[in-house]
N, C-alpha and C. Protein backbone atom coordinates (compact mmCIF):
# COMPACT_ATOMS: atom_id res chain seq x y z
N MET A 1 -12.98 102.20 133.27
CA MET A 1 -11.59 102.65 133.16
C MET A 1 -11.62 103.98 132.28
N LYS A 2 -12.58 104.16 131.40
CA LYS A 2 -12.51 105.43 130.57
C LYS A 2 -12.70 106.57 131.49
N ASP A 3 -13.50 106.54 132.43
CA ASP A 3 -13.74 107.80 133.31
C ASP A 3 -12.53 107.88 134.16
N THR A 4 -11.79 107.00 134.51
CA THR A 4 -10.59 107.18 135.33
C THR A 4 -9.51 107.88 134.61
N LEU A 5 -9.58 107.85 133.23
CA LEU A 5 -8.53 108.52 132.38
C LEU A 5 -8.75 109.91 132.14
N LYS A 6 -9.79 110.51 132.50
CA LYS A 6 -10.18 111.89 132.28
C LYS A 6 -9.05 112.88 132.37
N LEU A 7 -8.49 112.88 133.65
CA LEU A 7 -7.37 113.75 133.84
C LEU A 7 -6.24 112.90 134.71
N TYR A 8 -5.29 112.41 133.95
CA TYR A 8 -4.24 111.56 134.52
C TYR A 8 -2.94 112.47 134.63
N PHE A 9 -2.58 112.54 135.90
CA PHE A 9 -1.36 113.23 136.23
C PHE A 9 -0.19 112.37 136.41
N VAL A 10 0.90 112.67 135.70
CA VAL A 10 2.09 111.83 135.66
C VAL A 10 3.18 112.78 136.30
N CYS A 11 3.90 112.18 137.27
CA CYS A 11 4.88 113.11 137.97
C CYS A 11 5.76 112.32 138.79
N GLY A 12 7.12 112.91 138.88
CA GLY A 12 8.15 112.49 139.73
C GLY A 12 8.92 113.49 140.40
N THR A 13 9.77 113.39 141.20
CA THR A 13 10.50 114.52 141.96
C THR A 13 11.12 115.40 141.03
N VAL A 14 11.62 114.87 139.90
CA VAL A 14 12.37 115.68 138.84
C VAL A 14 11.56 116.67 138.34
N ASP A 15 10.24 116.44 138.04
CA ASP A 15 9.24 117.36 137.49
C ASP A 15 8.74 118.52 138.39
N CYS A 16 9.15 118.56 139.68
CA CYS A 16 8.68 119.39 140.54
C CYS A 16 9.79 120.36 141.08
N SER A 17 9.89 121.50 140.36
CA SER A 17 11.00 122.52 140.65
C SER A 17 10.46 123.62 141.50
N ARG A 18 9.05 123.79 141.55
CA ARG A 18 8.58 124.93 142.40
C ARG A 18 8.17 124.43 143.79
N LYS A 19 7.63 123.20 143.97
CA LYS A 19 7.28 122.86 145.16
C LYS A 19 7.67 121.43 145.41
N ASN A 20 7.57 120.94 146.68
CA ASN A 20 7.77 119.48 146.92
C ASN A 20 6.65 118.62 146.33
N ILE A 21 7.14 117.60 145.69
CA ILE A 21 6.17 116.61 145.06
C ILE A 21 4.81 116.28 145.84
N LEU A 22 5.04 116.11 147.11
CA LEU A 22 3.87 115.74 147.92
C LEU A 22 2.89 116.92 147.88
N THR A 23 3.24 118.04 147.95
CA THR A 23 2.48 119.23 147.97
C THR A 23 1.86 119.36 146.61
N VAL A 24 2.62 119.19 145.50
CA VAL A 24 2.05 119.28 144.09
C VAL A 24 0.91 118.24 143.91
N VAL A 25 1.21 117.02 144.23
CA VAL A 25 0.31 115.96 144.13
C VAL A 25 -0.97 116.12 144.92
N GLU A 26 -0.78 116.57 146.12
CA GLU A 26 -2.09 116.72 146.93
C GLU A 26 -2.92 117.76 146.44
N GLU A 27 -2.23 118.87 145.95
CA GLU A 27 -3.04 120.08 145.35
C GLU A 27 -3.79 119.63 144.15
N ALA A 28 -3.13 118.67 143.35
CA ALA A 28 -3.73 118.27 142.10
C ALA A 28 -4.87 117.38 142.44
N LEU A 29 -4.74 116.43 143.48
CA LEU A 29 -5.82 115.56 143.95
C LEU A 29 -6.93 116.36 144.47
N GLN A 30 -6.74 117.35 145.06
CA GLN A 30 -7.85 118.32 145.72
C GLN A 30 -8.57 118.99 144.53
N ALA A 31 -7.88 119.26 143.40
CA ALA A 31 -8.38 119.92 142.37
C ALA A 31 -9.14 119.07 141.24
N GLY A 32 -8.90 117.67 141.38
CA GLY A 32 -9.67 116.80 140.53
C GLY A 32 -9.00 115.93 139.45
N ILE A 33 -7.78 115.58 139.75
CA ILE A 33 -7.10 114.55 138.87
C ILE A 33 -7.81 113.22 139.18
N THR A 34 -7.99 112.43 138.17
CA THR A 34 -8.68 111.15 138.36
C THR A 34 -7.77 109.95 138.35
N LEU A 35 -6.48 110.16 138.06
CA LEU A 35 -5.55 109.13 138.07
C LEU A 35 -4.13 109.63 138.22
N PHE A 36 -3.23 108.98 139.07
CA PHE A 36 -1.86 109.50 139.28
C PHE A 36 -0.82 108.43 138.95
N GLN A 37 0.13 108.89 138.20
CA GLN A 37 1.24 107.91 138.01
C GLN A 37 2.57 108.43 138.58
N PHE A 38 3.32 107.68 139.30
CA PHE A 38 4.65 108.03 139.87
C PHE A 38 5.68 107.51 138.93
N ARG A 39 6.08 108.56 138.27
CA ARG A 39 7.22 108.37 137.22
C ARG A 39 8.51 108.88 137.60
N GLU A 40 9.38 108.19 138.23
CA GLU A 40 10.63 108.70 138.82
C GLU A 40 11.76 108.37 137.84
N LYS A 41 12.03 109.30 136.91
CA LYS A 41 13.12 109.09 136.00
C LYS A 41 13.91 110.30 136.03
N GLY A 42 15.23 110.14 135.49
CA GLY A 42 16.11 111.34 135.45
C GLY A 42 17.31 111.33 136.17
N PHE A 43 18.22 112.15 135.95
CA PHE A 43 19.65 111.92 136.65
C PHE A 43 19.52 112.11 138.27
N THR A 44 18.55 112.98 138.65
CA THR A 44 18.43 113.13 140.11
C THR A 44 17.28 112.39 140.74
N ALA A 45 16.74 111.38 139.97
CA ALA A 45 15.64 110.54 140.40
C ALA A 45 15.98 109.81 141.65
N LEU A 46 15.04 109.63 142.60
CA LEU A 46 15.23 108.88 143.85
C LEU A 46 15.53 107.43 143.45
N GLN A 47 16.32 106.74 144.31
CA GLN A 47 16.62 105.35 144.06
C GLN A 47 16.38 104.61 145.37
N GLY A 48 16.26 103.24 145.25
CA GLY A 48 16.16 102.35 146.39
C GLY A 48 15.24 102.74 147.44
N LYS A 49 15.73 102.80 148.64
CA LYS A 49 14.81 103.00 149.83
C LYS A 49 14.12 104.42 149.73
N GLU A 50 14.80 105.46 149.28
CA GLU A 50 14.28 106.82 149.17
C GLU A 50 12.94 106.70 148.18
N LYS A 51 13.19 105.99 147.12
CA LYS A 51 12.10 105.86 146.02
C LYS A 51 10.85 105.17 146.70
N ILE A 52 11.22 104.10 147.35
CA ILE A 52 10.10 103.27 148.03
C ILE A 52 9.39 104.13 149.09
N ALA A 53 10.01 104.88 149.80
CA ALA A 53 9.46 105.77 150.88
C ALA A 53 8.54 106.77 150.21
N MET A 54 8.97 107.47 149.13
CA MET A 54 8.21 108.46 148.47
C MET A 54 7.09 107.73 147.80
N ALA A 55 7.22 106.63 147.25
CA ALA A 55 5.99 106.01 146.63
C ALA A 55 4.93 105.66 147.70
N LYS A 56 5.35 105.26 148.88
CA LYS A 56 4.46 104.93 149.88
C LYS A 56 3.70 106.19 150.31
N GLN A 57 4.33 107.34 150.44
CA GLN A 57 3.70 108.54 150.89
C GLN A 57 2.73 109.02 149.76
N LEU A 58 3.15 109.00 148.55
CA LEU A 58 2.23 109.30 147.45
C LEU A 58 1.01 108.38 147.34
N GLN A 59 1.33 107.10 147.66
CA GLN A 59 0.23 106.10 147.69
C GLN A 59 -0.84 106.55 148.66
N ILE A 60 -0.35 106.82 149.88
CA ILE A 60 -1.32 107.26 150.98
C ILE A 60 -2.09 108.48 150.51
N LEU A 61 -1.56 109.47 149.94
CA LEU A 61 -2.25 110.58 149.47
C LEU A 61 -3.40 110.24 148.49
N CYS A 62 -3.01 109.36 147.44
CA CYS A 62 -4.03 108.94 146.63
C CYS A 62 -5.17 108.10 147.14
N MET A 63 -4.80 107.32 148.22
CA MET A 63 -5.87 106.66 148.88
C MET A 63 -6.85 107.60 149.61
N GLN A 64 -6.33 108.69 150.14
CA GLN A 64 -7.17 109.60 150.72
C GLN A 64 -8.22 110.21 149.87
N TYR A 65 -7.83 110.43 148.63
CA TYR A 65 -8.69 110.97 147.72
C TYR A 65 -9.34 110.01 146.63
N GLN A 66 -9.13 108.79 147.00
CA GLN A 66 -9.73 107.57 146.20
C GLN A 66 -9.39 107.79 144.74
N VAL A 67 -8.09 108.03 144.42
CA VAL A 67 -7.56 108.04 143.12
C VAL A 67 -6.56 106.96 143.01
N PRO A 68 -6.65 106.14 141.89
CA PRO A 68 -5.82 105.02 141.71
C PRO A 68 -4.46 105.49 141.59
N PHE A 69 -3.49 104.67 142.17
CA PHE A 69 -2.06 105.05 142.25
C PHE A 69 -1.29 104.13 141.35
N ILE A 70 -0.63 104.73 140.24
CA ILE A 70 0.05 103.84 139.13
C ILE A 70 1.51 104.08 139.35
N ILE A 71 2.36 103.17 139.14
CA ILE A 71 3.69 103.26 139.11
C ILE A 71 4.34 103.01 137.70
N ASP A 72 5.22 103.90 137.22
CA ASP A 72 5.81 103.74 135.84
C ASP A 72 6.97 102.71 135.95
N ASP A 73 6.94 101.67 135.03
CA ASP A 73 8.16 100.91 134.60
C ASP A 73 8.90 100.28 136.01
N ASP A 74 8.14 99.86 136.90
CA ASP A 74 8.74 99.40 138.14
C ASP A 74 7.86 98.30 138.79
N ILE A 75 7.71 97.17 138.10
CA ILE A 75 6.74 96.17 138.64
C ILE A 75 7.14 95.67 140.02
N ASP A 76 8.46 95.66 140.37
CA ASP A 76 8.83 95.15 141.66
C ASP A 76 8.25 96.09 142.79
N LEU A 77 8.32 97.42 142.49
CA LEU A 77 7.77 98.35 143.43
C LEU A 77 6.19 98.20 143.59
N VAL A 78 5.52 98.02 142.44
CA VAL A 78 4.18 97.89 142.40
C VAL A 78 3.78 96.64 143.30
N GLU A 79 4.56 95.57 143.18
CA GLU A 79 4.25 94.39 144.09
C GLU A 79 4.72 94.71 145.59
N LEU A 80 5.70 95.34 145.76
CA LEU A 80 6.19 95.62 147.07
C LEU A 80 5.27 96.39 147.90
N ILE A 81 4.58 97.38 147.35
CA ILE A 81 3.77 98.27 148.14
C ILE A 81 2.29 98.11 147.78
N ASP A 82 2.02 97.14 146.89
CA ASP A 82 0.59 96.89 146.44
C ASP A 82 -0.09 98.04 145.90
N ALA A 83 0.64 98.68 144.99
CA ALA A 83 0.04 99.84 144.16
C ALA A 83 -1.14 99.39 143.38
N ASP A 84 -1.81 100.25 142.80
CA ASP A 84 -3.09 99.99 141.94
C ASP A 84 -2.74 99.46 140.67
N GLY A 85 -1.45 99.86 140.05
CA GLY A 85 -1.21 99.39 138.82
C GLY A 85 0.15 99.87 138.23
N LEU A 86 0.37 99.53 136.92
CA LEU A 86 1.72 99.63 136.40
C LEU A 86 1.47 100.19 134.96
N HIS A 87 2.48 101.07 134.64
CA HIS A 87 2.41 101.60 133.27
C HIS A 87 3.79 101.30 132.61
N ILE A 88 3.71 100.75 131.47
CA ILE A 88 4.95 100.38 130.83
C ILE A 88 4.93 100.87 129.37
N GLY A 89 6.27 101.04 128.79
CA GLY A 89 6.41 101.33 127.42
C GLY A 89 6.79 100.26 126.56
N GLN A 90 6.83 100.52 125.30
CA GLN A 90 7.10 99.46 124.33
C GLN A 90 8.41 98.61 124.57
N ASN A 91 9.40 99.28 125.17
CA ASN A 91 10.68 98.50 125.40
C ASN A 91 10.78 98.21 126.84
N ASP A 92 9.88 98.16 127.63
CA ASP A 92 9.84 97.78 129.05
C ASP A 92 9.44 96.35 129.08
N LEU A 93 9.18 95.90 130.38
CA LEU A 93 8.76 94.56 130.60
C LEU A 93 7.57 94.21 129.58
N PRO A 94 7.68 92.94 129.09
CA PRO A 94 6.58 92.57 128.15
C PRO A 94 5.17 92.55 128.78
N VAL A 95 4.19 92.98 128.17
CA VAL A 95 2.82 93.14 128.77
C VAL A 95 2.33 91.68 129.31
N ASP A 96 2.56 90.73 128.62
CA ASP A 96 2.15 89.36 129.05
C ASP A 96 2.74 89.07 130.43
N GLU A 97 4.01 89.32 130.50
CA GLU A 97 4.75 88.89 131.75
C GLU A 97 4.17 89.92 132.88
N ALA A 98 3.97 91.01 132.55
CA ALA A 98 3.30 92.00 133.54
C ALA A 98 2.00 91.57 134.06
N ARG A 99 1.11 91.13 133.14
CA ARG A 99 -0.18 90.59 133.48
C ARG A 99 -0.06 89.25 134.32
N ARG A 100 0.84 88.46 133.93
CA ARG A 100 1.13 87.22 134.72
C ARG A 100 1.48 87.65 136.13
N ARG A 101 2.25 88.51 136.39
CA ARG A 101 2.54 88.93 137.77
C ARG A 101 1.58 89.80 138.52
N LEU A 102 0.80 90.51 137.64
CA LEU A 102 -0.17 91.38 138.21
C LEU A 102 -1.60 91.20 137.69
N PRO A 103 -2.19 89.99 138.07
CA PRO A 103 -3.35 89.52 137.53
C PRO A 103 -4.52 90.47 137.69
N ASP A 104 -4.55 91.21 138.75
CA ASP A 104 -5.75 92.03 139.19
C ASP A 104 -5.44 93.62 139.25
N LYS A 105 -4.30 93.94 138.78
CA LYS A 105 -3.95 95.41 138.63
C LYS A 105 -4.27 96.13 137.34
N ILE A 106 -4.28 97.43 137.44
CA ILE A 106 -4.31 98.16 136.24
C ILE A 106 -2.94 98.14 135.43
N ILE A 107 -3.07 97.78 134.14
CA ILE A 107 -1.86 97.97 133.44
C ILE A 107 -2.16 98.69 132.17
N GLY A 108 -1.06 99.76 132.07
CA GLY A 108 -1.29 100.64 130.91
C GLY A 108 -0.07 100.55 129.95
N LEU A 109 -0.25 100.85 128.66
CA LEU A 109 0.93 100.58 127.81
C LEU A 109 0.93 101.84 126.79
N SER A 110 2.18 102.26 126.67
CA SER A 110 2.41 103.35 125.78
C SER A 110 2.34 102.89 124.34
N VAL A 111 1.75 103.78 123.47
CA VAL A 111 1.71 103.37 122.02
C VAL A 111 1.83 104.71 121.36
N SER A 112 2.68 104.73 120.31
CA SER A 112 2.90 105.97 119.48
C SER A 112 2.40 105.84 118.12
N THR A 113 2.56 104.69 117.38
CA THR A 113 2.25 104.53 116.04
C THR A 113 1.17 103.28 115.84
N MET A 114 0.68 103.33 114.79
CA MET A 114 -0.18 102.08 114.42
C MET A 114 0.55 100.86 114.37
N ALA A 115 1.82 100.84 113.86
CA ALA A 115 2.65 99.71 113.92
C ALA A 115 2.76 99.07 115.31
N GLU A 116 3.05 99.97 116.30
CA GLU A 116 3.14 99.63 117.75
C GLU A 116 1.79 99.14 118.22
N TYR A 117 0.77 99.71 117.91
CA TYR A 117 -0.62 99.31 118.28
C TYR A 117 -0.85 97.95 117.80
N GLN A 118 -0.65 97.66 116.54
CA GLN A 118 -0.90 96.42 115.92
C GLN A 118 -0.01 95.11 116.41
N LYS A 119 1.11 95.52 116.90
CA LYS A 119 1.94 94.48 117.49
C LYS A 119 1.78 94.29 118.99
N SER A 120 1.01 95.14 119.65
CA SER A 120 0.83 94.93 121.08
C SER A 120 -0.17 94.05 121.43
N GLN A 121 0.05 93.36 122.62
CA GLN A 121 -0.89 92.43 123.19
C GLN A 121 -2.07 93.18 123.93
N LEU A 122 -2.92 93.76 123.20
CA LEU A 122 -3.91 94.67 123.95
C LEU A 122 -4.89 93.84 124.80
N SER A 123 -5.03 92.66 124.54
CA SER A 123 -6.00 91.88 125.38
C SER A 123 -5.63 91.82 126.86
N VAL A 124 -4.32 92.05 127.18
CA VAL A 124 -3.85 92.09 128.58
C VAL A 124 -3.79 93.35 129.25
N VAL A 125 -4.07 94.56 128.49
CA VAL A 125 -3.85 95.92 129.09
C VAL A 125 -5.24 96.42 129.34
N ASP A 126 -5.15 97.46 130.24
CA ASP A 126 -6.48 98.16 130.70
C ASP A 126 -6.72 99.32 129.91
N TYR A 127 -5.55 100.08 129.41
CA TYR A 127 -5.76 101.22 128.69
C TYR A 127 -4.44 101.43 127.89
N ILE A 128 -4.39 102.18 126.85
CA ILE A 128 -3.28 102.65 126.11
C ILE A 128 -3.02 104.16 126.26
N GLY A 129 -1.80 104.60 126.45
CA GLY A 129 -1.46 106.10 126.43
C GLY A 129 -0.74 106.22 124.95
N ILE A 130 -1.34 107.20 124.31
CA ILE A 130 -0.91 107.43 123.00
C ILE A 130 -0.18 108.78 122.90
N GLY A 131 0.99 108.77 122.30
CA GLY A 131 1.66 110.14 122.19
C GLY A 131 3.10 109.90 121.80
N PRO A 132 3.83 110.95 121.88
CA PRO A 132 3.58 112.25 122.23
C PRO A 132 2.56 113.06 121.31
N PHE A 133 1.62 113.68 121.88
CA PHE A 133 0.77 114.52 121.16
C PHE A 133 1.45 115.74 120.52
N ASN A 134 2.26 116.35 121.29
CA ASN A 134 3.12 117.42 120.95
C ASN A 134 4.57 117.05 121.44
N PRO A 135 5.45 117.82 120.83
CA PRO A 135 6.94 117.69 121.26
C PRO A 135 6.92 117.98 122.78
N THR A 136 7.70 117.25 123.56
CA THR A 136 7.79 117.35 124.92
C THR A 136 9.08 117.28 125.52
N GLN A 137 9.39 118.13 126.61
CA GLN A 137 10.71 118.15 127.25
C GLN A 137 10.66 117.24 128.48
N SER A 138 9.59 116.72 128.80
CA SER A 138 9.45 115.95 130.12
C SER A 138 9.95 114.58 129.97
N LYS A 139 10.18 114.13 128.63
CA LYS A 139 10.88 112.75 128.45
C LYS A 139 12.06 112.88 127.64
N ALA A 140 13.12 112.40 128.13
CA ALA A 140 14.38 112.58 127.45
C ALA A 140 14.38 111.69 126.16
N ASP A 141 13.62 110.72 126.27
CA ASP A 141 13.67 109.65 125.16
C ASP A 141 12.24 109.59 124.40
N ALA A 142 11.69 110.83 124.41
CA ALA A 142 10.27 110.93 123.69
C ALA A 142 10.37 110.74 122.18
N LYS A 143 9.43 110.09 121.70
CA LYS A 143 9.37 109.74 120.29
C LYS A 143 8.84 111.01 119.50
N PRO A 144 8.84 110.94 118.10
CA PRO A 144 8.43 112.21 117.35
C PRO A 144 6.92 112.38 117.55
N ALA A 145 6.48 113.61 117.81
CA ALA A 145 5.07 113.91 117.87
C ALA A 145 4.15 113.32 116.99
N VAL A 146 2.97 112.89 117.44
CA VAL A 146 2.02 112.18 116.47
C VAL A 146 0.63 112.89 116.45
N GLY A 147 0.56 113.93 117.20
CA GLY A 147 -0.74 114.62 117.16
C GLY A 147 -1.89 113.66 117.49
N ASN A 148 -3.12 113.85 116.77
CA ASN A 148 -4.19 113.01 116.91
C ASN A 148 -4.33 111.78 115.97
N ARG A 149 -3.16 111.64 115.14
CA ARG A 149 -3.22 110.75 113.97
C ARG A 149 -3.41 109.25 114.54
N THR A 150 -2.71 108.79 115.53
CA THR A 150 -2.83 107.51 116.12
C THR A 150 -4.17 107.26 116.76
N THR A 151 -4.63 108.26 117.49
CA THR A 151 -5.79 108.10 118.22
C THR A 151 -6.93 107.90 117.30
N LYS A 152 -7.07 108.71 116.25
CA LYS A 152 -8.05 108.57 115.33
C LYS A 152 -8.07 107.19 114.60
N ALA A 153 -6.84 106.83 114.26
CA ALA A 153 -6.67 105.52 113.51
C ALA A 153 -7.25 104.37 114.45
N VAL A 154 -6.71 104.43 115.74
CA VAL A 154 -7.09 103.41 116.69
C VAL A 154 -8.65 103.29 116.82
N ARG A 155 -9.30 104.55 117.01
CA ARG A 155 -10.74 104.57 117.24
C ARG A 155 -11.41 104.12 116.00
N GLU A 156 -11.02 104.22 114.79
CA GLU A 156 -11.69 103.70 113.65
C GLU A 156 -11.86 102.15 113.74
N ILE A 157 -10.92 101.48 114.41
CA ILE A 157 -11.00 100.07 114.35
C ILE A 157 -11.34 99.50 115.68
N ASN A 158 -11.22 100.34 116.76
CA ASN A 158 -11.40 99.76 118.12
C ASN A 158 -12.11 100.88 118.89
N GLN A 159 -13.41 100.69 119.08
CA GLN A 159 -14.30 101.60 119.90
C GLN A 159 -14.19 101.51 121.37
N ASP A 160 -13.72 100.39 121.75
CA ASP A 160 -13.75 99.92 123.23
C ASP A 160 -12.46 100.23 123.98
N ILE A 161 -11.34 100.17 123.49
CA ILE A 161 -10.20 100.34 124.28
C ILE A 161 -10.09 101.71 124.99
N PRO A 162 -9.81 101.83 126.22
CA PRO A 162 -9.66 103.22 126.77
C PRO A 162 -8.30 103.79 126.25
N ILE A 163 -8.35 105.09 125.89
CA ILE A 163 -7.30 105.79 125.34
C ILE A 163 -7.04 107.17 126.04
N VAL A 164 -5.80 107.38 126.55
CA VAL A 164 -5.39 108.67 127.06
C VAL A 164 -4.23 109.17 126.23
N ALA A 165 -4.38 110.51 125.91
CA ALA A 165 -3.37 111.18 125.16
C ALA A 165 -2.32 111.75 126.01
N ILE A 166 -1.12 111.79 125.59
CA ILE A 166 -0.06 112.28 126.57
C ILE A 166 1.05 113.06 125.53
N GLY A 167 1.59 114.04 126.15
CA GLY A 167 2.77 114.70 125.54
C GLY A 167 2.55 116.15 125.21
N GLY A 168 3.07 117.09 125.88
CA GLY A 168 2.93 118.42 125.56
C GLY A 168 1.58 119.08 125.66
N ILE A 169 0.72 118.56 126.36
CA ILE A 169 -0.72 118.95 126.18
C ILE A 169 -1.09 120.07 127.18
N THR A 170 -1.71 121.03 126.71
CA THR A 170 -2.27 122.13 127.46
C THR A 170 -3.78 122.21 127.28
N SER A 171 -4.48 123.14 128.01
CA SER A 171 -5.89 123.12 127.84
C SER A 171 -6.37 123.56 126.49
N ASP A 172 -5.54 124.20 125.71
CA ASP A 172 -5.84 124.61 124.36
C ASP A 172 -6.05 123.43 123.42
N PHE A 173 -5.52 122.34 123.71
CA PHE A 173 -5.75 121.14 122.92
C PHE A 173 -6.76 120.20 123.23
N VAL A 174 -7.28 120.40 124.41
CA VAL A 174 -8.16 119.31 124.89
C VAL A 174 -9.32 118.91 123.97
N HIS A 175 -10.05 120.02 123.55
CA HIS A 175 -11.16 119.75 122.70
C HIS A 175 -10.91 118.83 121.52
N ASP A 176 -9.80 119.20 120.77
CA ASP A 176 -9.45 118.38 119.62
C ASP A 176 -9.08 116.98 119.95
N ILE A 177 -8.35 116.81 121.17
CA ILE A 177 -7.99 115.50 121.60
C ILE A 177 -9.20 114.67 121.90
N ILE A 178 -10.05 115.12 122.63
CA ILE A 178 -11.31 114.40 122.99
C ILE A 178 -12.08 114.06 121.70
N GLU A 179 -12.19 115.08 120.85
CA GLU A 179 -12.90 114.81 119.61
C GLU A 179 -12.35 113.82 118.84
N SER A 180 -11.03 113.56 118.87
CA SER A 180 -10.40 112.61 118.07
C SER A 180 -10.65 111.19 118.43
N GLY A 181 -11.18 111.01 119.69
CA GLY A 181 -11.51 109.71 120.34
C GLY A 181 -10.91 109.30 121.61
N ALA A 182 -10.04 110.23 122.14
CA ALA A 182 -9.52 109.85 123.42
C ALA A 182 -10.43 109.99 124.57
N ASP A 183 -10.26 109.33 125.55
CA ASP A 183 -11.11 109.37 126.80
C ASP A 183 -10.60 110.34 127.82
N GLY A 184 -9.39 110.86 127.72
CA GLY A 184 -8.81 111.77 128.71
C GLY A 184 -7.42 112.25 128.18
N ILE A 185 -6.87 112.99 129.13
CA ILE A 185 -5.52 113.57 128.90
C ILE A 185 -4.55 113.26 130.00
N ALA A 186 -3.34 112.88 129.66
CA ALA A 186 -2.34 112.74 130.63
C ALA A 186 -1.33 113.93 130.53
N VAL A 187 -0.98 114.63 131.67
CA VAL A 187 -0.11 115.68 131.68
C VAL A 187 0.97 115.55 132.71
N ILE A 188 1.94 116.28 132.46
CA ILE A 188 3.00 116.32 133.45
C ILE A 188 3.32 117.84 133.74
N SER A 189 3.87 118.57 132.90
CA SER A 189 4.25 119.96 133.09
C SER A 189 3.02 120.88 133.30
N ALA A 190 2.03 120.60 132.53
CA ALA A 190 0.83 121.43 132.68
C ALA A 190 0.33 121.63 134.04
N ILE A 191 0.60 120.65 134.85
CA ILE A 191 0.33 120.72 136.29
C ILE A 191 1.52 120.93 137.21
N SER A 192 2.51 120.20 136.90
CA SER A 192 3.67 120.28 137.88
C SER A 192 4.46 121.67 137.88
N LYS A 193 4.30 122.18 136.64
CA LYS A 193 5.13 123.50 136.55
C LYS A 193 4.20 124.68 136.52
N ALA A 194 2.90 124.54 136.82
CA ALA A 194 1.91 125.65 136.83
C ALA A 194 2.20 126.50 137.97
N ASN A 195 1.99 127.80 137.80
CA ASN A 195 2.11 128.84 138.90
C ASN A 195 1.15 128.58 140.03
N HIS A 196 -0.15 128.10 139.52
CA HIS A 196 -1.29 127.89 140.47
C HIS A 196 -1.70 126.47 140.18
N ILE A 197 -1.22 125.46 140.93
CA ILE A 197 -1.52 124.08 140.51
C ILE A 197 -3.02 123.76 140.67
N VAL A 198 -3.78 124.29 141.68
CA VAL A 198 -5.11 124.03 141.81
C VAL A 198 -5.93 124.53 140.71
N ASP A 199 -5.67 125.90 140.37
CA ASP A 199 -6.33 126.45 139.31
C ASP A 199 -6.06 125.79 137.90
N ALA A 200 -4.80 125.44 137.59
CA ALA A 200 -4.40 124.72 136.46
C ALA A 200 -5.21 123.53 136.28
N THR A 201 -5.21 122.73 137.38
CA THR A 201 -5.77 121.32 137.29
C THR A 201 -7.32 121.52 137.26
N ARG A 202 -7.91 122.42 137.80
CA ARG A 202 -9.41 122.58 137.73
C ARG A 202 -9.66 123.08 136.31
N GLN A 203 -8.86 123.89 135.62
CA GLN A 203 -9.07 124.29 134.26
C GLN A 203 -9.05 123.03 133.25
N LEU A 204 -8.03 122.29 133.45
CA LEU A 204 -7.90 121.15 132.66
C LEU A 204 -9.02 120.08 132.77
N ARG A 205 -9.46 120.00 134.06
CA ARG A 205 -10.59 118.97 134.19
C ARG A 205 -11.87 119.55 133.67
N TYR A 206 -12.06 120.88 133.72
CA TYR A 206 -13.22 121.51 133.15
C TYR A 206 -13.19 121.44 131.65
N GLU A 207 -12.11 121.56 131.07
CA GLU A 207 -11.91 121.33 129.55
C GLU A 207 -12.34 120.03 129.08
N VAL A 208 -11.83 119.06 129.76
CA VAL A 208 -12.02 117.73 129.44
C VAL A 208 -13.51 117.31 129.58
N GLU A 209 -14.09 117.66 130.76
CA GLU A 209 -15.54 117.40 130.94
C GLU A 209 -16.33 118.11 129.85
N LYS A 210 -16.00 119.28 129.60
CA LYS A 210 -16.84 120.09 128.54
C LYS A 210 -16.63 119.36 127.15
N ALA A 211 -15.48 118.94 126.79
CA ALA A 211 -15.16 118.39 125.57
C ALA A 211 -15.97 116.99 125.48
N LEU A 212 -15.94 116.22 126.52
CA LEU A 212 -16.69 114.98 126.53
C LEU A 212 -18.26 115.08 126.34
N VAL A 213 -18.68 116.10 126.96
CA VAL A 213 -20.16 116.43 126.72
C VAL A 213 -20.43 116.79 125.35
N ASN A 214 -19.66 117.53 124.83
CA ASN A 214 -19.80 118.07 123.34
C ASN A 214 -19.75 116.97 122.41
N ARG A 215 -18.75 116.02 122.75
CA ARG A 215 -18.55 114.82 121.89
C ARG A 215 -19.85 113.92 121.97
N GLN A 216 -20.41 113.79 123.12
CA GLN A 216 -21.57 112.94 123.36
C GLN A 216 -22.77 113.59 122.56
N LYS A 217 -22.84 114.95 122.74
CA LYS A 217 -24.05 115.53 121.99
C LYS A 217 -23.87 115.42 120.47
N HIS A 218 -22.71 115.46 119.94
CA HIS A 218 -22.48 115.19 118.56
C HIS A 218 -22.79 113.78 118.12
N SER A 219 -22.50 112.95 118.99
CA SER A 219 -22.70 111.47 118.66
C SER A 219 -24.19 111.21 118.69
N ASP A 220 -24.95 111.87 119.69
CA ASP A 220 -26.36 111.73 119.64
C ASP A 220 -27.17 112.25 118.46
N VAL A 221 -26.62 113.39 118.03
CA VAL A 221 -27.14 113.95 116.85
C VAL A 221 -26.95 113.03 115.56
N ILE A 222 -25.83 112.51 115.44
CA ILE A 222 -25.59 111.61 114.28
C ILE A 222 -26.35 110.37 114.42
N LYS A 223 -26.70 109.84 115.63
CA LYS A 223 -27.52 108.75 115.75
C LYS A 223 -29.00 109.06 115.28
């Protein structure tokens, strides 16, 4: 799972002002994202049959590039189209209920603070998304930025759980994020609002891979 989190693209139609979401996602897939989440939130978000139809089209694209397709906070849609997994927040469907309904799917959980981490049923989730790293405008209900604090604290007590950092992340922050113990980054605007999506995605993937190599070298030296 950790390798799958290297470059996690989260996107919905509301996030794509420059191009159609299908074009944005396909370019990101071509350029090296490792996981995709369909997060359809906001005043102009698709609903009902339109949302289902879009999810199916995005799922087909992800299948073509062999990238897992995750849906945000809509377990019914995950079940309906047989998506690869579900991502939920602290105030969404309880994770034990999600796991009961999706025994073989990927389940991710958002965590902001150590208090949330400690109260979460981590035994039934496949990864946690920690953030927001920086203040972000992509989520109307975003919590205060936590930087690398929570990631570092989690890694001190749990070396195994897959962690992806999210929230206002650009390539400038990748090294510090990976060094703190995250396995990858999740981004919205850094790809969806980029002038050149392929170039932006490749740069992010390059920075993640470089940071992971550097972290491993540092770990080997310590050993």
